[in-house]
Amino acid sequence: DILWSRDTCPPVIYEFTPVSGPIEGGTNITILGDNLGDMAVADTHIVRVRGHECTLVERASDLNKLVCRTSPSEVAEGLVTVEVQEQSAVLGYTISGTGYSSLHFSYMDPQVMSISPTLGPQ
């Protein structure tokens, strides 16, 4: 449920890419939405993927886009969440609350099963 009031709005996640990455972490995820804040900084923003912190890439984030780098995890999938507590100078209202993705991010452990072709030019 999204809780709106006259002076306060929560962040909303519309989509994110990519939808999967390796268990070692290090995947940059781009999150698109509304009310993601004027200045994405660790003091006002917490992004999580499957409950694990996703480190903000502050210089790549803006009002409708956040970029974060995943931390390591086991093979699993889970929601992306954005928690924001910020008085928006640009929007003129407080951004407060947590936004949830409708899709899951999947941590994968890719395995090479075969290589083709087995022969090629030298």
PDB file of N, CA and C in Angstrom:
ATOM      1  N   ASP A   1       0.829  -1.186   0.000  1.00  0.00           N
ATOM      2  CA  ASP A   1       0.000   0.000   0.000  1.00  0.00           C
ATOM      3  C   ASP A   1       0.875   1.252   0.000  1.00  0.00           C
ATOM      4  N   ILE A   2       0.515   2.221  -0.819  1.00  0.00           N
ATOM      5  CA  ILE A   2       1.221   3.492  -0.872  1.00  0.00           C
ATOM      6  C   ILE A   2       0.451   4.489  -0.027  1.00  0.00           C
ATOM      7  N   LEU A   3       1.122   5.080   0.967  1.00  0.00           N
ATOM      8  CA  LEU A   3       0.485   6.038   1.856  1.00  0.00           C
ATOM      9  C   LEU A   3       0.849   7.453   1.425  1.00  0.00           C
ATOM     10  N   TRP A   4      -0.111   8.171   0.888  1.00  0.00           N
ATOM     11  CA  TRP A   4       0.091   9.544   0.448  1.00  0.00           C
ATOM     12  C   TRP A   4      -0.575  10.470   1.448  1.00  0.00           C
ATOM     13  N   SER A   5       0.006  11.626   1.628  1.00  0.00           N
ATOM     14  CA  SER A   5      -0.660  12.682   2.384  1.00  0.00           C
ATOM     15  C   SER A   5      -0.405  13.987   1.641  1.00  0.00           C
ATOM     16  N   ARG A   6      -0.944  15.048   2.143  1.00  0.00           N
ATOM     17  CA  ARG A   6      -0.818  16.336   1.460  1.00  0.00           C
ATOM     18  C   ARG A   6       0.640  16.802   1.341  1.00  0.00           C
ATOM     19  N   ASP A   7       1.443  16.535   2.361  1.00  0.00           N
ATOM     20  CA  ASP A   7       2.816  17.037   2.397  1.00  0.00           C
ATOM     21  C   ASP A   7       3.880  15.944   2.318  1.00  0.00           C
ATOM     22  N   THR A   8       3.473  14.692   2.284  1.00  0.00           N
ATOM     23  CA  THR A   8       4.432  13.588   2.301  1.00  0.00           C
ATOM     24  C   THR A   8       4.053  12.543   1.264  1.00  0.00           C
ATOM     25  N   CYS A   9       5.055  12.087   0.503  1.00  0.00           N
ATOM     26  CA  CYS A   9       4.837  11.029  -0.493  1.00  0.00           C
ATOM     27  C   CYS A   9       5.947   9.996  -0.376  1.00  0.00           C
ATOM     28  N   PRO A  10       5.636   8.734  -0.573  1.00  0.00           N
ATOM     29  CA  PRO A  10       6.657   7.690  -0.522  1.00  0.00           C
ATOM     30  C   PRO A  10       7.340   7.520  -1.879  1.00  0.00           C
ATOM     31  N   PRO A  11       8.501   6.880  -1.900  1.00  0.00           N
ATOM     32  CA  PRO A  11       9.118   6.544  -3.185  1.00  0.00           C
ATOM     33  C   PRO A  11       8.319   5.442  -3.876  1.00  0.00           C
ATOM     34  N   VAL A  12       8.359   5.432  -5.205  1.00  0.00           N
ATOM     35  CA  VAL A  12       7.666   4.419  -5.995  1.00  0.00           C
ATOM     36  C   VAL A  12       8.655   3.855  -7.007  1.00  0.00           C
ATOM     37  N   ILE A  13       8.741   2.527  -7.087  1.00  0.00           N
ATOM     38  CA  ILE A  13       9.605   1.864  -8.065  1.00  0.00           C
ATOM     39  C   ILE A  13       8.746   1.375  -9.215  1.00  0.00           C
ATOM     40  N   TYR A  14       9.078   1.805 -10.449  1.00  0.00           N
ATOM     41  CA  TYR A  14       8.376   1.333 -11.639  1.00  0.00           C
ATOM     42  C   TYR A  14       9.069   0.119 -12.248  1.00  0.00           C
ATOM     43  N   GLU A  15      10.396   0.191 -12.340  1.00  0.00           N
ATOM     44  CA  GLU A  15      11.151  -0.910 -12.926  1.00  0.00           C
ATOM     45  C   GLU A  15      12.610  -0.800 -12.523  1.00  0.00           C
ATOM     46  N   PHE A  16      13.348  -1.875 -12.763  1.00  0.00           N
ATOM     47  CA  PHE A  16      14.790  -1.853 -12.550  1.00  0.00           C
ATOM     48  C   PHE A  16      15.441  -2.799 -13.554  1.00  0.00           C
ATOM     49  N   THR A  17      16.707  -2.507 -13.884  1.00  0.00           N
ATOM     50  CA  THR A  17      17.487  -3.359 -14.775  1.00  0.00           C
ATOM     51  C   THR A  17      18.929  -3.385 -14.289  1.00  0.00           C
ATOM     52  N   PRO A  18      19.636  -4.491 -14.472  1.00  0.00           N
ATOM     53  CA  PRO A  18      19.152  -5.773 -14.955  1.00  0.00           C
ATOM     54  C   PRO A  18      18.348  -6.477 -13.868  1.00  0.00           C
ATOM     55  N   VAL A  19      17.732  -7.591 -14.205  1.00  0.00           N
ATOM     56  CA  VAL A  19      16.910  -8.333 -13.243  1.00  0.00           C
ATOM     57  C   VAL A  19      17.666  -9.508 -12.621  1.00  0.00           C
ATOM     58  N   SER A  20      18.948  -9.660 -12.978  1.00  0.00           N
ATOM     59  CA  SER A  20      19.753 -10.721 -12.374  1.00  0.00           C
ATOM     60  C   SER A  20      21.220 -10.322 -12.389  1.00  0.00           C
ATOM     61  N   GLY A  21      22.002 -10.994 -11.543  1.00  0.00           N
ATOM     62  CA  GLY A  21      23.434 -10.758 -11.463  1.00  0.00           C
ATOM     63  C   GLY A  21      24.103 -11.875 -10.703  1.00  0.00           C
ATOM     64  N   PRO A  22      25.437 -11.909 -10.698  1.00  0.00           N
ATOM     65  CA  PRO A  22      26.175 -12.988 -10.051  1.00  0.00           C
ATOM     66  C   PRO A  22      26.134 -12.907  -8.527  1.00  0.00           C
ATOM     67  N   ILE A  23      26.314 -14.056  -7.878  1.00  0.00           N
ATOM     68  CA  ILE A  23      26.298 -14.126  -6.417  1.00  0.00           C
ATOM     69  C   ILE A  23      27.442 -13.336  -5.786  1.00  0.00           C
ATOM     70  N   GLU A  24      28.490 -13.059  -6.551  1.00  0.00           N
ATOM     71  CA  GLU A  24      29.618 -12.291  -6.021  1.00  0.00           C
ATOM     72  C   GLU A  24      29.256 -10.821  -5.791  1.00  0.00           C
ATOM     73  N   GLY A  25      28.122 -10.383  -6.344  1.00  0.00           N
ATOM     74  CA  GLY A  25      27.720  -8.985  -6.232  1.00  0.00           C
ATOM     75  C   GLY A  25      28.454  -8.146  -7.262  1.00  0.00           C
ATOM     76  N   GLY A  26      28.404  -6.828  -7.110  1.00  0.00           N
ATOM     77  CA  GLY A  26      29.083  -5.926  -8.018  1.00  0.00           C
ATOM     78  C   GLY A  26      28.276  -5.530  -9.234  1.00  0.00           C
ATOM     79  N   THR A  27      27.007  -5.948  -9.308  1.00  0.00           N
ATOM     80  CA  THR A  27      26.138  -5.581 -10.429  1.00  0.00           C
ATOM     81  C   THR A  27      25.527  -4.213 -10.166  1.00  0.00           C
ATOM     82  N   ASN A  28      25.661  -3.298 -11.112  1.00  0.00           N
ATOM     83  CA  ASN A  28      25.002  -2.000 -10.998  1.00  0.00           C
ATOM     84  C   ASN A  28      23.559  -2.150 -11.457  1.00  0.00           C
ATOM     85  N   ILE A  29      22.628  -1.840 -10.559  1.00  0.00           N
ATOM     86  CA  ILE A  29      21.198  -1.893 -10.857  1.00  0.00           C
ATOM     87  C   ILE A  29      20.693  -0.461 -11.026  1.00  0.00           C
ATOM     88  N   THR A  30      19.964  -0.206 -12.106  1.00  0.00           N
ATOM     89  CA  THR A  30      19.330   1.090 -12.335  1.00  0.00           C
ATOM     90  C   THR A  30      17.854   0.952 -11.989  1.00  0.00           C
ATOM     91  N   ILE A  31      17.401   1.759 -11.044  1.00  0.00           N
ATOM     92  CA  ILE A  31      16.013   1.737 -10.567  1.00  0.00           C
ATOM     93  C   ILE A  31      15.327   3.005 -11.071  1.00  0.00           C
ATOM     94  N   LEU A  32      14.201   2.840 -11.755  1.00  0.00           N
ATOM     95  CA  LEU A  32      13.425   3.978 -12.242  1.00  0.00           C
ATOM     96  C   LEU A  32      12.133   4.088 -11.448  1.00  0.00           C
ATOM     97  N   GLY A  33      11.741   5.311 -11.113  1.00  0.00           N
ATOM     98  CA  GLY A  33      10.518   5.502 -10.352  1.00  0.00           C
ATOM     99  C   GLY A  33      10.239   6.968 -10.110  1.00  0.00           C
ATOM    100  N   ASP A  34       9.387   7.228  -9.136  1.00  0.00           N
ATOM    101  CA  ASP A  34       9.042   8.591  -8.729  1.00  0.00           C
ATOM    102  C   ASP A  34       9.392   8.773  -7.263  1.00  0.00           C
ATOM    103  N   ASN A  35       9.610  10.028  -6.886  1.00  0.00           N
ATOM    104  CA  ASN A  35       9.909  10.380  -5.495  1.00  0.00           C
ATOM    105  C   ASN A  35      11.134   9.642  -4.972  1.00  0.00           C
ATOM    106  N   LEU A  36      12.169   9.575  -5.810  1.00  0.00           N
ATOM    107  CA  LEU A  36      13.398   8.906  -5.395  1.00  0.00           C
ATOM    108  C   LEU A  36      14.376   9.877  -4.748  1.00  0.00           C
ATOM    109  N   GLY A  37      14.003  11.152  -4.670  1.00  0.00           N
ATOM    110  CA  GLY A  37      14.796  12.137  -3.940  1.00  0.00           C
ATOM    111  C   GLY A  37      15.602  13.055  -4.826  1.00  0.00           C
ATOM    112  N   ASP A  38      15.917  14.241  -4.262  1.00  0.00           N
ATOM    113  CA  ASP A  38      16.720  15.233  -4.979  1.00  0.00           C
ATOM    114  C   ASP A  38      18.163  14.777  -5.101  1.00  0.00           C
ATOM    115  N   MET A  39      18.734  14.366  -3.981  1.00  0.00           N
ATOM    116  CA  MET A  39      20.135  13.982  -3.936  1.00  0.00           C
ATOM    117  C   MET A  39      20.238  12.634  -3.230  1.00  0.00           C
ATOM    118  N   ALA A  40      20.542  11.601  -3.989  1.00  0.00           N
ATOM    119  CA  ALA A  40      20.646  10.269  -3.415  1.00  0.00           C
ATOM    120  C   ALA A  40      21.957  10.143  -2.652  1.00  0.00           C
ATOM    121  N   VAL A  41      21.850  10.101  -1.338  1.00  0.00           N
ATOM    122  CA  VAL A  41      23.023   9.927  -0.483  1.00  0.00           C
ATOM    123  C   VAL A  41      22.694   8.906   0.596  1.00  0.00           C
ATOM    124  N   ALA A  42      23.732   8.324   1.144  1.00  0.00           N
ATOM    125  CA  ALA A  42      23.547   7.258   2.136  1.00  0.00           C
ATOM    126  C   ALA A  42      22.807   7.737   3.383  1.00  0.00           C
ATOM    127  N   ASP A  43      22.868   9.043   3.675  1.00  0.00           N
ATOM    128  CA  ASP A  43      22.189   9.568   4.869  1.00  0.00           C
ATOM    129  C   ASP A  43      20.668   9.526   4.743  1.00  0.00           C
ATOM    130  N   THR A  44      20.156   9.624   3.516  1.00  0.00           N
ATOM    131  CA  THR A  44      18.708   9.732   3.321  1.00  0.00           C
ATOM    132  C   THR A  44      18.112   8.561   2.546  1.00  0.00           C
ATOM    133  N   HIS A  45      18.951   7.719   1.953  1.00  0.00           N
ATOM    134  CA  HIS A  45      18.481   6.634   1.091  1.00  0.00           C
ATOM    135  C   HIS A  45      19.067   5.293   1.519  1.00  0.00           C
ATOM    136  N   ILE A  46      18.220   4.282   1.569  1.00  0.00           N
ATOM    137  CA  ILE A  46      18.679   2.906   1.802  1.00  0.00           C
ATOM    138  C   ILE A  46      18.054   2.049   0.705  1.00  0.00           C
ATOM    139  N   VAL A  47      18.906   1.430  -0.098  1.00  0.00           N
ATOM    140  CA  VAL A  47      18.430   0.536  -1.150  1.00  0.00           C
ATOM    141  C   VAL A  47      18.838  -0.871  -0.764  1.00  0.00           C
ATOM    142  N   ARG A  48      17.892  -1.805  -0.895  1.00  0.00           N
ATOM    143  CA  ARG A  48      18.179  -3.201  -0.568  1.00  0.00           C
ATOM    144  C   ARG A  48      17.713  -4.093  -1.719  1.00  0.00           C
ATOM    145  N   VAL A  49      18.479  -5.146  -1.920  1.00  0.00           N
ATOM    146  CA  VAL A  49      18.123  -6.177  -2.886  1.00  0.00           C
ATOM    147  C   VAL A  49      18.098  -7.489  -2.110  1.00  0.00           C
ATOM    148  N   ARG A  50      16.906  -8.088  -2.043  1.00  0.00           N
ATOM    149  CA  ARG A  50      16.723  -9.320  -1.280  1.00  0.00           C
ATOM    150  C   ARG A  50      17.150  -9.153   0.179  1.00  0.00           C
ATOM    151  N   GLY A  51      16.950  -7.946   0.699  1.00  0.00           N
ATOM    152  CA  GLY A  51      17.298  -7.664   2.089  1.00  0.00           C
ATOM    153  C   GLY A  51      18.747  -7.286   2.305  1.00  0.00           C
ATOM    154  N   HIS A  52      19.585  -7.401   1.274  1.00  0.00           N
ATOM    155  CA  HIS A  52      21.000  -7.036   1.378  1.00  0.00           C
ATOM    156  C   HIS A  52      21.190  -5.602   0.891  1.00  0.00           C
ATOM    157  N   GLU A  53      22.066  -4.855   1.572  1.00  0.00           N
ATOM    158  CA  GLU A  53      22.303  -3.476   1.161  1.00  0.00           C
ATOM    159  C   GLU A  53      22.862  -3.418  -0.254  1.00  0.00           C
ATOM    160  N   CYS A  54      22.364  -2.455  -1.018  1.00  0.00           N
ATOM    161  CA  CYS A  54      22.824  -2.184  -2.374  1.00  0.00           C
ATOM    162  C   CYS A  54      23.427  -0.780  -2.307  1.00  0.00           C
ATOM    163  N   THR A  55      24.730  -0.665  -2.489  1.00  0.00           N
ATOM    164  CA  THR A  55      25.456   0.592  -2.297  1.00  0.00           C
ATOM    165  C   THR A  55      25.111   1.607  -3.386  1.00  0.00           C
ATOM    166  N   LEU A  56      24.663   2.792  -2.968  1.00  0.00           N
ATOM    167  CA  LEU A  56      24.305   3.843  -3.924  1.00  0.00           C
ATOM    168  C   LEU A  56      25.516   4.295  -4.736  1.00  0.00           C
ATOM    169  N   VAL A  57      25.299   4.478  -6.023  1.00  0.00           N
ATOM    170  CA  VAL A  57      26.271   5.133  -6.888  1.00  0.00           C
ATOM    171  C   VAL A  57      25.731   6.551  -7.041  1.00  0.00           C
ATOM    172  N   GLU A  58      26.117   7.417  -6.120  1.00  0.00           N
ATOM    173  CA  GLU A  58      25.490   8.733  -5.982  1.00  0.00           C
ATOM    174  C   GLU A  58      25.590   9.582  -7.240  1.00  0.00           C
ATOM    175  N   ARG A  59      26.722   9.585  -7.907  1.00  0.00           N
ATOM    176  CA  ARG A  59      26.909  10.460  -9.076  1.00  0.00           C
ATOM    177  C   ARG A  59      26.044  10.043 -10.261  1.00  0.00           C
ATOM    178  N   ALA A  60      25.517   8.813 -10.254  1.00  0.00           N
ATOM    179  CA  ALA A  60      24.692   8.321 -11.366  1.00  0.00           C
ATOM    180  C   ALA A  60      23.201   8.387 -11.057  1.00  0.00           C
ATOM    181  N   SER A  61      22.827   8.899  -9.892  1.00  0.00           N
ATOM    182  CA  SER A  61      21.427   8.921  -9.467  1.00  0.00           C
ATOM    183  C   SER A  61      20.843  10.322  -9.593  1.00  0.00           C
ATOM    184  N   ASP A  62      19.508  10.374  -9.788  1.00  0.00           N
ATOM    185  CA  ASP A  62      18.815  11.655  -9.834  1.00  0.00           C
ATOM    186  C   ASP A  62      17.385  11.491  -9.336  1.00  0.00           C
ATOM    187  N   LEU A  63      16.535  12.472  -9.609  1.00  0.00           N
ATOM    188  CA  LEU A  63      15.180  12.524  -9.080  1.00  0.00           C
ATOM    189  C   LEU A  63      14.328  11.292  -9.410  1.00  0.00           C
ATOM    190  N   ASN A  64      14.485  10.734 -10.614  1.00  0.00           N
ATOM    191  CA  ASN A  64      13.670   9.592 -11.037  1.00  0.00           C
ATOM    192  C   ASN A  64      14.485   8.328 -11.297  1.00  0.00           C
ATOM    193  N   LYS A  65      15.754   8.345 -10.880  1.00  0.00           N
ATOM    194  CA  LYS A  65      16.619   7.190 -11.139  1.00  0.00           C
ATOM    195  C   LYS A  65      17.616   7.033  -9.999  1.00  0.00           C
ATOM    196  N   LEU A  66      17.742   5.810  -9.517  1.00  0.00           N
ATOM    197  CA  LEU A  66      18.790   5.470  -8.556  1.00  0.00           C
ATOM    198  C   LEU A  66      19.638   4.374  -9.172  1.00  0.00           C
ATOM    199  N   VAL A  67      20.938   4.440  -8.926  1.00  0.00           N
ATOM    200  CA  VAL A  67      21.844   3.374  -9.349  1.00  0.00           C
ATOM    201  C   VAL A  67      22.544   2.877  -8.096  1.00  0.00           C
ATOM    202  N   CYS A  68      22.562   1.555  -7.934  1.00  0.00           N
ATOM    203  CA  CYS A  68      23.250   0.978  -6.786  1.00  0.00           C
ATOM    204  C   CYS A  68      24.013  -0.267  -7.225  1.00  0.00           C
ATOM    205  N   ARG A  69      25.022  -0.640  -6.415  1.00  0.00           N
ATOM    206  CA  ARG A  69      25.864  -1.802  -6.698  1.00  0.00           C
ATOM    207  C   ARG A  69      25.536  -2.895  -5.685  1.00  0.00           C
ATOM    208  N   THR A  70      25.182  -4.092  -6.194  1.00  0.00           N
ATOM    209  CA  THR A  70      24.763  -5.180  -5.317  1.00  0.00           C
ATOM    210  C   THR A  70      25.917  -5.703  -4.469  1.00  0.00           C
ATOM    211  N   SER A  71      25.562  -6.220  -3.317  1.00  0.00           N
ATOM    212  CA  SER A  71      26.515  -6.900  -2.445  1.00  0.00           C
ATOM    213  C   SER A  71      26.382  -8.404  -2.692  1.00  0.00           C
ATOM    214  N   PRO A  72      27.337  -9.211  -2.212  1.00  0.00           N
ATOM    215  CA  PRO A  72      27.257 -10.666  -2.419  1.00  0.00           C
ATOM    216  C   PRO A  72      26.030 -11.292  -1.748  1.00  0.00           C
ATOM    217  N   SER A  73      25.586 -12.421  -2.306  1.00  0.00           N
ATOM    218  CA  SER A  73      24.454 -13.162  -1.764  1.00  0.00           C
ATOM    219  C   SER A  73      24.545 -14.598  -2.232  1.00  0.00           C
ATOM    220  N   GLU A  74      23.792 -15.471  -1.614  1.00  0.00           N
ATOM    221  CA  GLU A  74      23.673 -16.833  -2.112  1.00  0.00           C
ATOM    222  C   GLU A  74      22.705 -16.837  -3.305  1.00  0.00           C
ATOM    223  N   VAL A  75      22.625 -17.953  -4.002  1.00  0.00           N
ATOM    224  CA  VAL A  75      21.689 -18.074  -5.122  1.00  0.00           C
ATOM    225  C   VAL A  75      20.275 -17.945  -4.566  1.00  0.00           C
ATOM    226  N   ALA A  76      19.571 -16.916  -4.995  1.00  0.00           N
ATOM    227  CA  ALA A  76      18.209 -16.661  -4.512  1.00  0.00           C
ATOM    228  C   ALA A  76      17.637 -15.491  -5.284  1.00  0.00           C
ATOM    229  N   GLU A  77      16.379 -15.189  -5.027  1.00  0.00           N
ATOM    230  CA  GLU A  77      15.763 -14.011  -5.626  1.00  0.00           C
ATOM    231  C   GLU A  77      14.944 -13.289  -4.574  1.00  0.00           C
ATOM    232  N   GLY A  78      14.740 -11.983  -4.805  1.00  0.00           N
ATOM    233  CA  GLY A  78      13.969 -11.190  -3.862  1.00  0.00           C
ATOM    234  C   GLY A  78      13.683  -9.812  -4.404  1.00  0.00           C
ATOM    235  N   LEU A  79      12.900  -9.072  -3.644  1.00  0.00           N
ATOM    236  CA  LEU A  79      12.465  -7.731  -4.053  1.00  0.00           C
ATOM    237  C   LEU A  79      13.578  -6.705  -3.927  1.00  0.00           C
ATOM    238  N   VAL A  80      13.447  -5.637  -4.707  1.00  0.00           N
ATOM    239  CA  VAL A  80      14.273  -4.446  -4.565  1.00  0.00           C
ATOM    240  C   VAL A  80      13.440  -3.449  -3.773  1.00  0.00           C
ATOM    241  N   THR A  81      14.028  -2.841  -2.744  1.00  0.00           N
ATOM    242  CA  THR A  81      13.317  -1.833  -1.954  1.00  0.00           C
ATOM    243  C   THR A  81      14.145  -0.556  -1.889  1.00  0.00           C
ATOM    244  N   VAL A  82      13.446   0.571  -1.846  1.00  0.00           N
ATOM    245  CA  VAL A  82      14.079   1.881  -1.705  1.00  0.00           C
ATOM    246  C   VAL A  82      13.405   2.584  -0.540  1.00  0.00           C
ATOM    247  N   GLU A  83      14.194   2.915   0.475  1.00  0.00           N
ATOM    248  CA  GLU A  83      13.685   3.666   1.618  1.00  0.00           C
ATOM    249  C   GLU A  83      14.283   5.071   1.554  1.00  0.00           C
ATOM    250  N   VAL A  84      13.429   6.081   1.594  1.00  0.00           N
ATOM    251  CA  VAL A  84      13.874   7.475   1.496  1.00  0.00           C
ATOM    252  C   VAL A  84      13.257   8.282   2.637  1.00  0.00           C
ATOM    253  N   GLN A  85      14.075   9.118   3.260  1.00  0.00           N
ATOM    254  CA  GLN A  85      13.616  10.091   4.254  1.00  0.00           C
ATOM    255  C   GLN A  85      14.277  11.408   3.871  1.00  0.00           C
ATOM    256  N   GLU A  86      13.564  12.253   3.108  1.00  0.00           N
ATOM    257  CA  GLU A  86      14.183  13.471   2.593  1.00  0.00           C
ATOM    258  C   GLU A  86      13.156  14.571   2.407  1.00  0.00           C
ATOM    259  N   GLN A  87      13.516  15.782   2.790  1.00  0.00           N
ATOM    260  CA  GLN A  87      12.720  16.961   2.478  1.00  0.00           C
ATOM    261  C   GLN A  87      13.171  17.427   1.103  1.00  0.00           C
ATOM    262  N   SER A  88      12.314  17.305   0.104  1.00  0.00           N
ATOM    263  CA  SER A  88      12.676  17.638  -1.272  1.00  0.00           C
ATOM    264  C   SER A  88      12.539  19.129  -1.539  1.00  0.00           C
ATOM    265  N   ALA A  89      13.675  19.780  -1.800  1.00  0.00           N
ATOM    266  CA  ALA A  89      13.648  21.209  -2.146  1.00  0.00           C
ATOM    267  C   ALA A  89      13.086  21.408  -3.551  1.00  0.00           C
ATOM    268  N   VAL A  90      13.367  20.466  -4.440  1.00  0.00           N
ATOM    269  CA  VAL A  90      12.901  20.557  -5.822  1.00  0.00           C
ATOM    270  C   VAL A  90      11.389  20.346  -5.903  1.00  0.00           C
ATOM    271  N   LEU A  91      10.883  19.327  -5.206  1.00  0.00           N
ATOM    272  CA  LEU A  91       9.468  18.973  -5.301  1.00  0.00           C
ATOM    273  C   LEU A  91       8.584  19.745  -4.321  1.00  0.00           C
ATOM    274  N   GLY A  92       9.169  20.252  -3.237  1.00  0.00           N
ATOM    275  CA  GLY A  92       8.401  21.036  -2.276  1.00  0.00           C
ATOM    276  C   GLY A  92       7.618  20.207  -1.280  1.00  0.00           C
ATOM    277  N   TYR A  93       7.943  18.940  -1.120  1.00  0.00           N
ATOM    278  CA  TYR A  93       7.292  18.105  -0.110  1.00  0.00           C
ATOM    279  C   TYR A  93       8.291  17.089   0.424  1.00  0.00           C
ATOM    280  N   THR A  94       7.899  16.395   1.480  1.00  0.00           N
ATOM    281  CA  THR A  94       8.766  15.404   2.104  1.00  0.00           C
ATOM    282  C   THR A  94       8.576  14.060   1.422  1.00  0.00           C
ATOM    283  N   ILE A  95       9.689  13.411   1.112  1.00  0.00           N
ATOM    284  CA  ILE A  95       9.645  12.046   0.597  1.00  0.00           C
ATOM    285  C   ILE A  95       9.960  11.144   1.778  1.00  0.00           C
ATOM    286  N   SER A  96       9.014  10.287   2.125  1.00  0.00           N
ATOM    287  CA  SER A  96       9.173   9.464   3.310  1.00  0.00           C
ATOM    288  C   SER A  96       8.493   8.119   3.109  1.00  0.00           C
ATOM    289  N   GLY A  97       9.238   7.046   3.298  1.00  0.00           N
ATOM    290  CA  GLY A  97       8.654   5.720   3.208  1.00  0.00           C
ATOM    291  C   GLY A  97       9.528   4.766   2.432  1.00  0.00           C
ATOM    292  N   THR A  98       8.933   3.627   2.076  1.00  0.00           N
ATOM    293  CA  THR A  98       9.644   2.572   1.360  1.00  0.00           C
ATOM    294  C   THR A  98       8.868   2.188   0.120  1.00  0.00           C
ATOM    295  N   GLY A  99       9.575   2.111  -1.007  1.00  0.00           N
ATOM    296  CA  GLY A  99       9.002   1.637  -2.257  1.00  0.00           C
ATOM    297  C   GLY A  99       9.461   0.210  -2.516  1.00  0.00           C
ATOM    298  N   TYR A 100       8.581  -0.608  -3.071  1.00  0.00           N
ATOM    299  CA  TYR A 100       8.875  -2.019  -3.330  1.00  0.00           C
ATOM    300  C   TYR A 100       8.728  -2.314  -4.819  1.00  0.00           C
ATOM    301  N   SER A 101       9.648  -3.103  -5.347  1.00  0.00           N
ATOM    302  CA  SER A 101       9.544  -3.507  -6.748  1.00  0.00           C
ATOM    303  C   SER A 101       8.464  -4.571  -6.897  1.00  0.00           C
ATOM    304  N   SER A 102       7.880  -4.650  -8.078  1.00  0.00           N
ATOM    305  CA  SER A 102       6.888  -5.701  -8.331  1.00  0.00           C
ATOM    306  C   SER A 102       7.570  -6.978  -8.822  1.00  0.00           C
ATOM    307  N   LEU A 103       8.780  -6.858  -9.334  1.00  0.00           N
ATOM    308  CA  LEU A 103       9.546  -8.013  -9.808  1.00  0.00           C
ATOM    309  C   LEU A 103      10.687  -8.323  -8.851  1.00  0.00           C
ATOM    310  N   HIS A 104      11.229  -9.525  -8.984  1.00  0.00           N
ATOM    311  CA  HIS A 104      12.363  -9.946  -8.162  1.00  0.00           C
ATOM    312  C   HIS A 104      13.676  -9.778  -8.913  1.00  0.00           C
ATOM    313  N   PHE A 105      14.746  -9.519  -8.150  1.00  0.00           N
ATOM    314  CA  PHE A 105      16.103  -9.591  -8.667  1.00  0.00           C
ATOM    315  C   PHE A 105      16.621 -10.982  -8.327  1.00  0.00           C
ATOM    316  N   SER A 106      17.296 -11.633  -9.270  1.00  0.00           N
ATOM    317  CA  SER A 106      17.815 -12.996  -9.057  1.00  0.00           C
ATOM    318  C   SER A 106      19.330 -12.984  -8.974  1.00  0.00           C
ATOM    319  N   TYR A 107      19.858 -13.546  -7.881  1.00  0.00           N
ATOM    320  CA  TYR A 107      21.289 -13.796  -7.772  1.00  0.00           C
ATOM    321  C   TYR A 107      21.552 -15.160  -8.391  1.00  0.00           C
ATOM    322  N   MET A 108      22.510 -15.214  -9.303  1.00  0.00           N
ATOM    323  CA  MET A 108      22.790 -16.461 -10.018  1.00  0.00           C
ATOM    324  C   MET A 108      24.257 -16.837  -9.889  1.00  0.00           C
ATOM    325  N   ASP A 109      24.517 -18.121 -10.043  1.00  0.00           N
ATOM    326  CA  ASP A 109      25.877 -18.648 -10.061  1.00  0.00           C
ATOM    327  C   ASP A 109      26.079 -19.328 -11.406  1.00  0.00           C
ATOM    328  N   PRO A 110      26.466 -18.544 -12.426  1.00  0.00           N
ATOM    329  CA  PRO A 110      26.570 -19.118 -13.775  1.00  0.00           C
ATOM    330  C   PRO A 110      27.643 -20.212 -13.847  1.00  0.00           C
ATOM    331  N   GLN A 111      27.334 -21.238 -14.597  1.00  0.00           N
ATOM    332  CA  GLN A 111      28.248 -22.358 -14.817  1.00  0.00           C
ATOM    333  C   GLN A 111      28.421 -22.555 -16.318  1.00  0.00           C
ATOM    334  N   VAL A 112      29.669 -22.663 -16.786  1.00  0.00           N
ATOM    335  CA  VAL A 112      29.931 -22.958 -18.198  1.00  0.00           C
ATOM    336  C   VAL A 112      29.708 -24.448 -18.399  1.00  0.00           C
ATOM    337  N   MET A 113      28.769 -24.799 -19.266  1.00  0.00           N
ATOM    338  CA  MET A 113      28.440 -26.207 -19.521  1.00  0.00           C
ATOM    339  C   MET A 113      29.128 -26.727 -20.784  1.00  0.00           C
ATOM    340  N   SER A 114      29.324 -25.850 -21.751  1.00  0.00           N
ATOM    341  CA  SER A 114      30.016 -26.267 -22.972  1.00  0.00           C
ATOM    342  C   SER A 114      30.479 -25.030 -23.719  1.00  0.00           C
ATOM    343  N   ILE A 115      31.402 -25.251 -24.654  1.00  0.00           N
ATOM    344  CA  ILE A 115      31.903 -24.187 -25.516  1.00  0.00           C
ATOM    345  C   ILE A 115      31.756 -24.662 -26.948  1.00  0.00           C
ATOM    346  N   SER A 116      31.227 -23.778 -27.763  1.00  0.00           N
ATOM    347  CA  SER A 116      31.002 -24.147 -29.157  1.00  0.00           C
ATOM    348  C   SER A 116      31.346 -22.970 -30.032  1.00  0.00           C
ATOM    349  N   PRO A 117      32.013 -23.149 -31.135  1.00  0.00           N
ATOM    350  CA  PRO A 117      32.550 -24.397 -31.672  1.00  0.00           C
ATOM    351  C   PRO A 117      33.807 -24.816 -30.934  1.00  0.00           C
ATOM    352  N   THR A 118      34.124 -26.067 -31.026  1.00  0.00           N
ATOM    353  CA  THR A 118      35.312 -26.587 -30.336  1.00  0.00           C
ATOM    354  C   THR A 118      36.596 -26.313 -31.111  1.00  0.00           C
ATOM    355  N   LEU A 119      36.472 -26.008 -32.413  1.00  0.00           N
ATOM    356  CA  LEU A 119      37.627 -25.673 -33.242  1.00  0.00           C
ATOM    357  C   LEU A 119      37.370 -24.349 -33.942  1.00  0.00           C
ATOM    358  N   GLY A 120      38.455 -23.652 -34.269  1.00  0.00           N
ATOM    359  CA  GLY A 120      38.315 -22.391 -34.959  1.00  0.00           C
ATOM    360  C   GLY A 120      39.635 -21.973 -35.560  1.00  0.00           C
ATOM    361  N   PRO A 121      39.709 -20.797 -36.173  1.00  0.00           N
ATOM    362  CA  PRO A 121      40.960 -20.336 -36.785  1.00  0.00           C
ATOM    363  C   PRO A 121      42.046 -20.114 -35.742  1.00  0.00           C
ATOM    364  N   GLN A 122      43.285 -20.232 -36.185  1.00  0.00           N
ATOM    365  CA  GLN A 122      44.406 -20.033 -35.262  1.00  0.00           C
ATOM    366  C   GLN A 122      44.926 -18.631 -35.344  1.00  0.00           C
TER     367      GLN A 122
END
